[in-house]
Amino acid sequence: MKKILSFLMLFCLGLVWGLSSAGAEGEKDVLAIEEFMEIATKKDTYFEEILIDELKLAYEKDLKLPADDLVLEVKGEYEFILNQNRQEPGSTVSLEKLFPSTGTTAALSYQANPSYNGETSADLSFSIAQPIGQNAFGKLYKLKDKIVGLETDIAKHQIIEAYEDYLALLLVAYYNWYEAYENLLIGESSYNENLKLLDNVKARQQSKIAVGIDVNKTKVQLLKKQKTLTTLREEYNQALNIIKTAIRDDSEKEIIPQDPDWLGNKKIEYPEDFKKSTEEGRTFEILRLLEEKSTLNVAKEADDILPSIDLITGYSISGDDFGIKNSDNMIYAGISLKYPFGNQVDKAEFEVAKIEEKKSKLSSQNTYFRLAQNIKNVYLNLEKEKELLKVTQDGVSLAETVLEDETKNYTYGKVTLNDYIDAVNEVDNHNFDLIAHRMQIKKYNIEYLRLTDRLISRKDINQSQS
């Protein structure tokens, strides 16, 4: 009768623990992965820190391009004529405006100055300068405008990339949390089963069925399970802390994860996904923009080598007193030339720009092959994990069958305690492996989507922040 009772106790242990665990879980709040991501994207300020960089992009052209402001300059002075012991006021007022799109500069100037004969002369002039060498008709401005535009586009893509990378980290954090939670349940179940086993072995010892060494072996096994459980509980608490930080939850409320399935309608189709990412993905769009920027930089540095040549035309009025009386009118035209002999710095910058252009193209090619390699490796690892998952699932079934048989055999004294303990540990190990492979598949899915720029889009970001 005692043997039968022992067998029934061991056989029902798993069922009893499962029911008690289910009852305990019913009292906890379940946080599904969809809800977690919705809360995290709104409350985790790191997302806001990433996106706030977009606000600065609206001012890039104002900061990096020549301003088209109207500049007013006023200068007043007293001039002392020492040998005549007198002083006279002098003044200069000028207005200047640059038209960056054409490079044209228009200037209006009024100047009044005293003279030695006690009279005041005044000049009013209007001039236009048009570059035809360096920055001919605004060429340099147009190049800089395109470069800044490209830099802005690159920055926008990089902001989405940073958002996507952080999102991937949080998704992996959730998978780690769920894996730690399942491992903790396995550890708790295993510890309680071994606790029951110790009671059973003690009862068998009192019935002269088991010997003292069996009790000690069971105690050693229980201590190992307790040590494992302590480690698993700490790993779970750390994983939970990351989740609570992401959703900015500092309460003592206990939450548990739900088996995550986040991919939705996203499918893994290799190599089609890689081909599509080279045509439409952000990574390769950034590379194309960088190449275009390097080409424009070469053109900009080539323009800097040119001499500064301006066509100048103007109209001036000169006369007496502040009101320009007895005026003389003059129209003038000419050329202004500045040419630095040697021009060593600009030529060096031009050569460096050409080198950078070559480097940019090589970088794009290398990135293509490196990304192709990474995507394929992730896909291969994904397929490997799927195969290992199938093997592990079969292993769990077999290990549970062996444990069931060994439980019967141990109950009837057909196998030693060591055989039974080995069977118990084998089930635990297979269960740990099972959850590890399941979560690793999900992590590889996230990494695959991240590498192919399919994890998040600008539209998704707008919706998550609304």
Protein backbone atom coordinates (compact mmCIF):
# COMPACT_ATOMS: atom_id res chain seq x y z
CA MET A 1 0.00 0.00 0.00
CA LYS A 2 2.85 2.41 0.84
CA LYS A 3 4.44 1.79 -2.56
CA ILE A 4 1.18 2.53 -4.33
CA LEU A 5 0.71 5.75 -2.34
CA SER A 6 4.27 6.85 -3.14
CA PHE A 7 3.72 6.27 -6.82
CA LEU A 8 0.44 8.20 -6.82
CA MET A 9 2.11 11.06 -4.97
CA LEU A 10 4.90 11.39 -7.52
CA PHE A 11 2.55 10.90 -10.46
CA CYS A 12 0.16 13.65 -9.32
CA LEU A 13 2.83 16.09 -8.21
CA GLY A 14 3.16 17.80 -11.56
CA LEU A 15 -0.59 18.20 -11.93
CA VAL A 16 -1.00 19.65 -8.44
CA TRP A 17 1.80 22.17 -8.97
CA GLY A 18 0.40 23.18 -12.33
CA LEU A 19 -3.02 23.87 -10.84
CA SER A 20 -1.57 25.82 -7.91
CA SER A 21 0.61 27.89 -10.25
CA ALA A 22 -2.36 28.66 -12.49
CA GLY A 23 -4.30 29.87 -9.47
CA ALA A 24 -1.44 32.15 -8.42
CA GLU A 25 -1.02 33.58 -11.91
CA GLY A 26 -4.68 34.46 -12.05
CA GLU A 27 -4.05 37.08 -9.36
CA LYS A 28 -1.30 38.84 -11.35
CA ASP A 29 -1.59 41.41 -14.14
CA VAL A 30 -0.57 40.09 -17.55
CA LEU A 31 1.36 42.51 -19.77
CA ALA A 32 1.20 41.39 -23.41
CA ILE A 33 4.00 42.40 -25.74
CA GLU A 34 1.69 44.63 -27.82
CA GLU A 35 0.62 46.54 -24.73
CA PHE A 36 4.21 46.74 -23.52
CA MET A 37 5.40 48.30 -26.79
CA GLU A 38 2.47 50.73 -26.89
CA ILE A 39 3.24 51.96 -23.37
CA ALA A 40 7.02 51.97 -23.83
CA THR A 41 6.97 54.03 -27.04
CA LYS A 42 4.90 56.67 -25.26
CA LYS A 43 6.56 56.70 -21.82
CA ASP A 44 10.18 55.71 -22.45
CA THR A 45 11.81 59.12 -22.87
CA TYR A 46 14.70 57.61 -24.81
CA PHE A 47 12.36 57.44 -27.81
CA GLU A 48 11.61 61.13 -27.32
CA GLU A 49 15.33 61.88 -27.07
CA ILE A 50 15.88 60.17 -30.43
CA LEU A 51 13.01 61.95 -32.17
CA ILE A 52 13.78 65.40 -30.75
CA ASP A 53 16.79 65.57 -33.07
CA GLU A 54 14.32 65.99 -35.94
CA LEU A 55 13.34 69.40 -34.59
CA LYS A 56 16.87 70.69 -35.19
CA LEU A 57 16.82 69.63 -38.83
CA ALA A 58 14.42 72.46 -39.73
CA TYR A 59 17.22 74.95 -39.00
CA GLU A 60 20.07 73.23 -40.84
CA LYS A 61 19.89 75.44 -43.94
CA ASP A 62 19.65 78.61 -41.88
CA LEU A 63 22.76 77.56 -39.98
CA LYS A 64 24.90 76.32 -42.86
CA LEU A 65 23.94 78.49 -45.86
CA PRO A 66 24.74 82.17 -46.48
CA ALA A 67 22.00 84.42 -45.12
CA ASP A 68 19.95 86.66 -47.42
CA ASP A 69 19.43 89.24 -44.69
CA LEU A 70 19.37 92.96 -45.42
CA VAL A 71 22.36 94.38 -43.55
CA LEU A 72 22.28 97.96 -42.32
CA GLU A 73 25.51 99.60 -41.20
CA VAL A 74 25.63 103.08 -39.63
CA LYS A 75 28.79 104.84 -38.58
CA GLY A 76 29.00 108.34 -37.06
CA GLU A 77 32.17 110.18 -36.14
CA TYR A 78 33.69 113.57 -35.37
CA GLU A 79 36.77 114.52 -37.29
CA PHE A 80 39.11 117.04 -35.63
CA ILE A 81 41.06 119.32 -37.98
CA LEU A 82 44.04 120.04 -35.74
CA ASN A 83 45.69 122.88 -37.64
CA GLN A 84 42.36 124.70 -37.99
CA ASN A 85 41.16 124.03 -34.43
CA ARG A 86 37.73 122.87 -35.53
CA GLN A 87 35.65 119.72 -35.66
CA GLU A 88 33.06 118.48 -38.11
CA PRO A 89 30.62 115.53 -38.02
CA GLY A 90 30.98 112.68 -40.49
CA SER A 91 28.64 109.79 -41.12
CA THR A 92 28.27 106.68 -43.21
CA VAL A 93 25.10 104.69 -43.80
CA SER A 94 25.04 101.58 -45.96
CA LEU A 95 22.58 98.85 -46.87
CA GLU A 96 23.73 95.54 -48.34
CA LYS A 97 21.80 92.47 -49.41
CA LEU A 98 22.98 89.13 -50.77
CA PHE A 99 20.81 87.10 -53.13
CA PRO A 100 22.26 83.64 -52.45
CA SER A 101 20.52 81.80 -55.29
CA THR A 102 22.40 83.91 -57.87
CA GLY A 103 25.32 85.07 -55.73
CA THR A 104 24.44 88.70 -56.50
CA THR A 105 25.26 91.39 -53.95
CA ALA A 106 23.46 94.74 -54.04
CA ALA A 107 24.74 97.66 -51.96
CA LEU A 108 23.48 101.20 -51.29
CA SER A 109 25.79 103.62 -49.49
CA TYR A 110 25.63 107.24 -48.29
CA GLN A 111 28.74 108.97 -46.93
CA ALA A 112 29.25 112.54 -45.67
CA ASN A 113 32.72 113.79 -44.69
CA PRO A 114 34.19 117.18 -43.74
CA SER A 115 37.08 118.65 -45.74
CA TYR A 116 39.95 121.01 -44.96
CA ASN A 117 38.24 123.95 -46.67
CA GLY A 118 35.44 123.89 -44.09
CA GLU A 119 32.88 122.39 -46.42
CA THR A 120 31.20 118.99 -46.30
CA SER A 121 31.05 116.61 -49.23
CA ALA A 122 28.60 113.72 -49.62
CA ASP A 123 28.40 110.65 -51.82
CA LEU A 124 25.46 108.38 -52.62
CA SER A 125 26.19 105.19 -54.53
CA PHE A 126 24.41 102.04 -55.59
CA SER A 127 26.33 99.01 -56.86
CA ILE A 128 25.72 95.43 -57.96
CA ALA A 129 28.39 92.73 -57.89
CA GLN A 130 27.88 89.47 -59.77
CA PRO A 131 30.42 86.61 -59.36
CA ILE A 132 31.41 84.87 -62.59
CA GLY A 133 34.36 82.86 -61.33
CA GLN A 134 34.09 81.26 -57.92
CA ASN A 135 30.39 80.83 -57.05
CA ALA A 136 29.46 81.91 -60.58
CA PHE A 137 25.78 82.92 -60.58
CA GLY A 138 25.26 81.21 -57.21
CA LYS A 139 26.71 77.83 -58.23
CA LEU A 140 28.46 77.31 -54.90
CA TYR A 141 25.32 78.23 -53.00
CA LYS A 142 23.29 75.73 -55.01
CA LEU A 143 25.86 73.02 -54.32
CA LYS A 144 25.83 73.79 -50.58
CA ASP A 145 22.03 73.84 -50.61
CA LYS A 146 21.94 70.36 -52.14
CA ILE A 147 24.58 69.08 -49.71
CA VAL A 148 22.68 70.39 -46.69
CA GLY A 149 19.48 68.89 -48.11
CA LEU A 150 21.22 65.52 -48.44
CA GLU A 151 22.60 65.79 -44.91
CA THR A 152 19.08 66.48 -43.63
CA ASP A 153 17.66 63.48 -45.49
CA ILE A 154 20.46 61.27 -44.16
CA ALA A 155 19.83 62.51 -40.62
CA LYS A 156 16.10 61.75 -40.92
CA HIS A 157 16.86 58.18 -42.00
CA GLN A 158 19.43 57.79 -39.23
CA ILE A 159 16.89 58.95 -36.64
CA ILE A 160 14.51 56.22 -37.78
CA GLU A 161 17.40 53.75 -37.69
CA ALA A 162 18.18 54.74 -34.09
CA TYR A 163 14.50 54.42 -33.18
CA GLU A 164 14.39 50.98 -34.80
CA ASP A 165 17.54 49.83 -33.01
CA TYR A 166 16.16 50.82 -29.62
CA LEU A 167 12.80 49.24 -30.40
CA ALA A 168 14.61 45.99 -31.23
CA LEU A 169 16.41 46.15 -27.87
CA LEU A 170 13.10 46.49 -26.03
CA LEU A 171 11.55 43.60 -27.95
CA VAL A 172 14.52 41.41 -27.08
CA ALA A 173 14.18 42.60 -23.47
CA TYR A 174 10.59 41.36 -23.45
CA TYR A 175 11.65 38.00 -24.88
CA ASN A 176 14.34 37.76 -22.20
CA TRP A 177 11.72 38.58 -19.57
CA TYR A 178 9.39 35.87 -20.85
CA GLU A 179 12.23 33.34 -21.04
CA ALA A 180 13.28 34.22 -17.47
CA TYR A 181 9.65 33.88 -16.35
CA GLU A 182 9.24 30.43 -17.92
CA ASN A 183 12.61 29.33 -16.54
CA LEU A 184 11.54 30.49 -13.09
CA LEU A 185 8.35 28.43 -13.33
CA ILE A 186 10.38 25.41 -14.37
CA GLY A 187 12.80 26.02 -11.51
CA GLU A 188 10.03 26.42 -8.96
CA SER A 189 8.26 23.30 -10.20
CA SER A 190 11.50 21.31 -10.15
CA TYR A 191 12.35 22.51 -6.63
CA ASN A 192 8.91 21.58 -5.31
CA GLU A 193 9.05 18.18 -6.99
CA ASN A 194 12.39 17.50 -5.37
CA LEU A 195 11.02 18.70 -2.04
CA LYS A 196 8.24 16.17 -2.40
CA LEU A 197 10.79 13.57 -3.43
CA LEU A 198 12.78 14.20 -0.24
CA ASP A 199 9.66 13.64 1.86
CA ASN A 200 8.96 10.46 -0.11
CA VAL A 201 12.50 9.14 0.35
CA LYS A 202 12.34 9.88 4.08
CA ALA A 203 9.07 7.95 4.24
CA ARG A 204 10.67 5.09 2.32
CA GLN A 205 13.60 5.11 4.74
CA GLN A 206 11.24 4.79 7.69
CA SER A 207 9.62 1.86 5.89
CA LYS A 208 13.08 0.30 5.43
CA ILE A 209 12.72 0.65 1.62
CA ALA A 210 15.36 3.41 1.19
CA VAL A 211 18.70 3.77 2.94
CA GLY A 212 20.31 6.81 4.57
CA ILE A 213 22.49 7.62 1.60
CA ASP A 214 19.36 8.04 -0.54
CA VAL A 215 18.14 10.74 1.82
CA ASN A 216 21.46 12.56 1.57
CA LYS A 217 21.51 12.25 -2.22
CA THR A 218 18.03 13.75 -2.35
CA LYS A 219 19.11 16.57 -0.04
CA VAL A 220 22.10 17.31 -2.30
CA GLN A 221 19.78 17.31 -5.32
CA LEU A 222 17.38 19.64 -3.50
CA LEU A 223 20.21 22.05 -2.63
CA LYS A 224 21.24 22.15 -6.29
CA LYS A 225 17.65 22.93 -7.29
CA GLN A 226 17.48 25.62 -4.60
CA LYS A 227 20.69 27.20 -5.89
CA THR A 228 19.37 27.10 -9.45
CA LEU A 229 16.07 28.58 -8.33
CA THR A 230 17.83 31.46 -6.57
CA THR A 231 19.77 32.25 -9.74
CA LEU A 232 16.64 32.01 -11.89
CA ARG A 233 14.71 34.30 -9.56
CA GLU A 234 17.46 36.91 -9.69
CA GLU A 235 17.60 36.71 -13.50
CA TYR A 236 13.84 37.16 -13.63
CA ASN A 237 13.90 40.17 -11.29
CA GLN A 238 16.57 41.84 -13.41
CA ALA A 239 14.60 41.19 -16.60
CA LEU A 240 11.45 42.52 -14.94
CA ASN A 241 13.31 45.64 -13.81
CA ILE A 242 14.25 46.42 -17.43
CA ILE A 243 10.62 46.07 -18.49
CA LYS A 244 9.33 48.26 -15.67
CA THR A 245 11.94 50.90 -16.46
CA ALA A 246 10.86 50.96 -20.12
CA ILE A 247 7.21 51.55 -19.18
CA ARG A 248 8.20 53.89 -16.32
CA ASP A 249 6.44 51.73 -13.72
CA ASP A 250 7.83 52.24 -10.21
CA SER A 251 4.92 50.57 -8.42
CA GLU A 252 5.07 47.34 -6.48
CA LYS A 253 2.38 45.83 -8.68
CA GLU A 254 3.37 42.38 -9.91
CA ILE A 255 3.12 41.80 -13.63
CA ILE A 256 3.86 38.75 -15.72
CA PRO A 257 4.51 38.35 -19.45
CA GLN A 258 2.39 36.62 -22.03
CA ASP A 259 3.76 34.23 -24.64
CA PRO A 260 4.83 36.82 -27.25
CA ASP A 261 3.96 36.70 -30.94
CA TRP A 262 4.86 40.13 -32.30
CA LEU A 263 5.63 39.55 -35.98
CA GLY A 264 2.00 39.86 -37.06
CA ASN A 265 1.78 39.79 -40.85
CA LYS A 266 5.54 40.23 -41.35
CA LYS A 267 7.05 37.22 -43.08
CA ILE A 268 10.61 36.03 -43.42
CA GLU A 269 11.30 35.41 -47.10
CA TYR A 270 14.99 35.11 -47.90
CA PRO A 271 16.61 36.14 -50.26
CA GLU A 272 13.71 38.26 -51.55
CA ASP A 273 13.83 40.43 -48.42
CA PHE A 274 17.48 41.32 -48.98
CA LYS A 275 16.89 42.25 -52.62
CA LYS A 276 14.00 44.48 -51.60
CA SER A 277 16.04 46.12 -48.86
CA THR A 278 18.75 47.09 -51.38
CA GLU A 279 16.09 48.79 -53.51
CA GLU A 280 13.86 50.37 -50.87
CA GLY A 281 15.57 50.02 -47.48
CA ARG A 282 16.83 52.93 -45.40
CA THR A 283 20.35 51.57 -45.08
CA PHE A 284 21.00 51.54 -48.80
CA GLU A 285 19.19 54.83 -49.27
CA ILE A 286 21.60 56.36 -46.75
CA LEU A 287 24.53 54.90 -48.68
CA ARG A 288 23.22 56.35 -51.94
CA LEU A 289 22.78 59.75 -50.32
CA LEU A 290 26.31 59.62 -48.88
CA GLU A 291 27.72 58.85 -52.32
CA GLU A 292 25.79 61.72 -53.85
CA LYS A 293 26.98 64.03 -51.09
CA SER A 294 30.63 63.08 -51.65
CA THR A 295 30.25 63.81 -55.37
CA LEU A 296 28.78 67.24 -54.62
CA ASN A 297 31.62 67.91 -52.17
CA VAL A 298 34.11 67.35 -54.99
CA ALA A 299 32.24 69.87 -57.15
CA LYS A 300 32.16 72.35 -54.25
CA GLU A 301 35.89 72.07 -53.56
CA ALA A 302 36.59 72.40 -57.30
CA ASP A 303 34.64 75.64 -57.32
CA ASP A 304 36.68 76.93 -54.37
CA ILE A 305 39.84 76.63 -56.47
CA LEU A 306 38.53 79.11 -59.02
CA PRO A 307 39.58 82.76 -58.68
CA SER A 308 37.09 85.21 -57.27
CA ILE A 309 35.92 87.33 -60.22
CA ASP A 310 33.04 89.80 -59.88
CA LEU A 311 31.38 91.92 -62.53
CA ILE A 312 30.59 95.26 -60.92
CA THR A 313 28.24 97.96 -62.10
CA GLY A 314 26.96 100.96 -60.25
CA TYR A 315 25.71 104.50 -60.08
CA SER A 316 27.07 107.24 -57.82
CA ILE A 317 26.22 110.84 -56.99
CA SER A 318 28.79 113.20 -55.42
CA GLY A 319 28.12 116.74 -54.22
CA ASP A 320 28.39 119.36 -51.52
CA ASP A 321 26.88 119.33 -48.08
CA PHE A 322 24.68 116.58 -46.64
CA GLY A 323 22.01 117.18 -49.27
CA ILE A 324 24.49 116.48 -52.12
CA LYS A 325 24.24 119.92 -53.80
CA ASN A 326 26.00 120.70 -57.06
CA SER A 327 26.12 116.99 -57.72
CA ASP A 328 28.14 115.05 -60.22
CA ASN A 329 26.56 111.81 -61.48
CA MET A 330 28.52 108.80 -62.63
CA ILE A 331 27.75 105.32 -63.96
CA TYR A 332 30.55 102.82 -63.73
CA ALA A 333 31.28 99.19 -64.56
CA GLY A 334 34.27 96.97 -64.03
CA ILE A 335 35.78 93.72 -62.86
CA SER A 336 37.08 92.74 -59.44
CA LEU A 337 39.61 89.91 -59.36
CA LYS A 338 41.12 88.03 -56.42
CA TYR A 339 43.51 85.23 -57.21
CA PRO A 340 45.60 83.55 -54.50
CA PHE A 341 48.84 82.38 -56.09
CA GLY A 342 49.61 78.82 -55.05
CA ASN A 343 46.18 78.26 -53.49
CA GLN A 344 47.64 75.32 -51.58
CA VAL A 345 44.82 74.82 -49.04
CA ASP A 346 41.96 74.81 -51.55
CA LYS A 347 43.81 72.43 -53.86
CA ALA A 348 44.53 70.08 -50.95
CA GLU A 349 40.86 70.16 -49.94
CA PHE A 350 39.87 69.35 -53.51
CA GLU A 351 42.19 66.32 -53.61
CA VAL A 352 40.93 65.13 -50.22
CA ALA A 353 37.33 65.47 -51.45
CA LYS A 354 38.16 63.23 -54.43
CA ILE A 355 39.68 60.66 -52.08
CA GLU A 356 36.60 60.80 -49.85
CA GLU A 357 34.40 60.23 -52.88
CA LYS A 358 36.29 57.05 -53.74
CA LYS A 359 36.17 55.97 -50.11
CA SER A 360 32.40 56.53 -49.99
CA LYS A 361 31.86 54.28 -52.99
CA LEU A 362 34.10 51.58 -51.51
CA SER A 363 32.25 51.90 -48.20
CA SER A 364 28.94 51.38 -49.97
CA GLN A 365 30.23 48.25 -51.68
CA ASN A 366 31.66 46.87 -48.45
CA THR A 367 28.46 47.63 -46.56
CA TYR A 368 26.48 45.81 -49.25
CA PHE A 369 28.51 42.64 -48.84
CA ARG A 370 28.67 42.90 -45.05
CA LEU A 371 24.92 43.39 -44.78
CA ALA A 372 24.29 40.56 -47.21
CA GLN A 373 26.48 38.34 -45.07
CA ASN A 374 24.79 39.38 -41.82
CA ILE A 375 21.27 38.89 -43.17
CA LYS A 376 22.11 35.47 -44.56
CA ASN A 377 23.79 34.41 -41.32
CA VAL A 378 20.77 35.50 -39.28
CA TYR A 379 18.52 33.58 -41.64
CA LEU A 380 20.72 30.48 -41.37
CA ASN A 381 20.72 30.76 -37.58
CA LEU A 382 16.96 31.15 -37.67
CA GLU A 383 16.57 27.95 -39.69
CA LYS A 384 19.01 26.17 -37.37
CA GLU A 385 17.00 27.19 -34.31
CA LYS A 386 13.81 25.92 -35.91
CA GLU A 387 15.43 22.52 -36.44
CA LEU A 388 16.80 22.50 -32.90
CA LEU A 389 13.34 23.41 -31.60
CA LYS A 390 11.82 20.39 -33.32
CA VAL A 391 14.54 18.13 -31.90
CA THR A 392 14.07 19.62 -28.42
CA GLN A 393 10.30 19.16 -28.57
CA ASP A 394 10.84 15.50 -29.39
CA GLY A 395 13.41 15.36 -26.59
CA VAL A 396 10.93 16.78 -24.07
CA SER A 397 8.36 14.15 -25.00
CA LEU A 398 10.90 11.36 -24.73
CA ALA A 399 12.35 12.70 -21.46
CA GLU A 400 8.87 12.91 -19.93
CA THR A 401 8.13 9.34 -21.06
CA VAL A 402 11.42 8.15 -19.56
CA LEU A 403 10.66 10.01 -16.31
CA GLU A 404 7.23 8.41 -16.13
CA ASP A 405 8.79 4.97 -16.60
CA GLU A 406 11.60 5.68 -14.15
CA THR A 407 9.04 6.89 -11.60
CA LYS A 408 7.28 3.55 -11.79
CA ASN A 409 10.56 1.64 -11.75
CA TYR A 410 11.85 3.58 -8.76
CA THR A 411 8.58 3.12 -6.91
CA TYR A 412 8.85 -0.64 -7.33
CA GLY A 413 12.59 -0.67 -6.62
CA LYS A 414 13.66 -1.60 -10.16
CA VAL A 415 16.09 1.35 -10.56
CA THR A 416 18.28 3.32 -8.19
CA LEU A 417 17.62 6.81 -6.91
CA ASN A 418 20.42 8.07 -9.16
CA ASP A 419 18.56 6.83 -12.23
CA TYR A 420 15.40 8.59 -11.11
CA ILE A 421 17.26 11.87 -10.35
CA ASP A 422 18.93 11.74 -13.78
CA ALA A 423 15.51 11.35 -15.41
CA VAL A 424 14.16 14.34 -13.46
CA ASN A 425 17.13 16.52 -14.42
CA GLU A 426 16.85 15.47 -18.05
CA VAL A 427 13.26 16.72 -18.18
CA ASP A 428 14.30 20.03 -16.59
CA ASN A 429 17.18 20.48 -19.02
CA HIS A 430 14.98 19.79 -22.03
CA ASN A 431 12.35 22.24 -20.77
CA PHE A 432 15.01 24.93 -20.30
CA ASP A 433 16.31 24.23 -23.83
CA LEU A 434 12.79 24.35 -25.23
CA ILE A 435 12.04 27.85 -24.01
CA ALA A 436 15.55 29.01 -24.97
CA HIS A 437 15.13 27.85 -28.58
CA ARG A 438 11.62 29.32 -28.81
CA MET A 439 12.78 32.75 -27.66
CA GLN A 440 15.96 32.62 -29.75
CA ILE A 441 13.82 32.15 -32.86
CA LYS A 442 11.87 35.26 -31.97
CA LYS A 443 15.07 37.22 -31.34
CA TYR A 444 16.46 36.19 -34.72
CA ASN A 445 13.18 37.26 -36.32
CA ILE A 446 13.59 40.72 -34.79
CA GLU A 447 17.22 40.97 -35.88
CA TYR A 448 16.30 39.87 -39.41
CA LEU A 449 13.58 42.52 -39.66
CA ARG A 450 15.92 45.15 -38.27
CA LEU A 451 18.66 44.37 -40.77
CA THR A 452 16.19 44.48 -43.67
CA ASP A 453 14.66 47.77 -42.40
CA ARG A 454 11.25 46.19 -41.91
CA LEU A 455 10.92 46.38 -38.15
CA ILE A 456 9.53 49.94 -38.10
CA SER A 457 8.55 52.67 -40.56
CA ARG A 458 8.04 56.41 -40.38
CA LYS A 459 4.28 55.79 -40.41
CA ASP A 460 4.56 53.38 -37.48
CA ILE A 461 6.55 55.94 -35.50
CA ASN A 462 3.98 58.66 -36.14
CA GLN A 463 1.18 56.36 -35.01
CA SER A 464 3.04 55.28 -31.86
CA GLN A 465 3.69 58.90 -30.86
CA SER A 466 0.17 60.15 -31.58
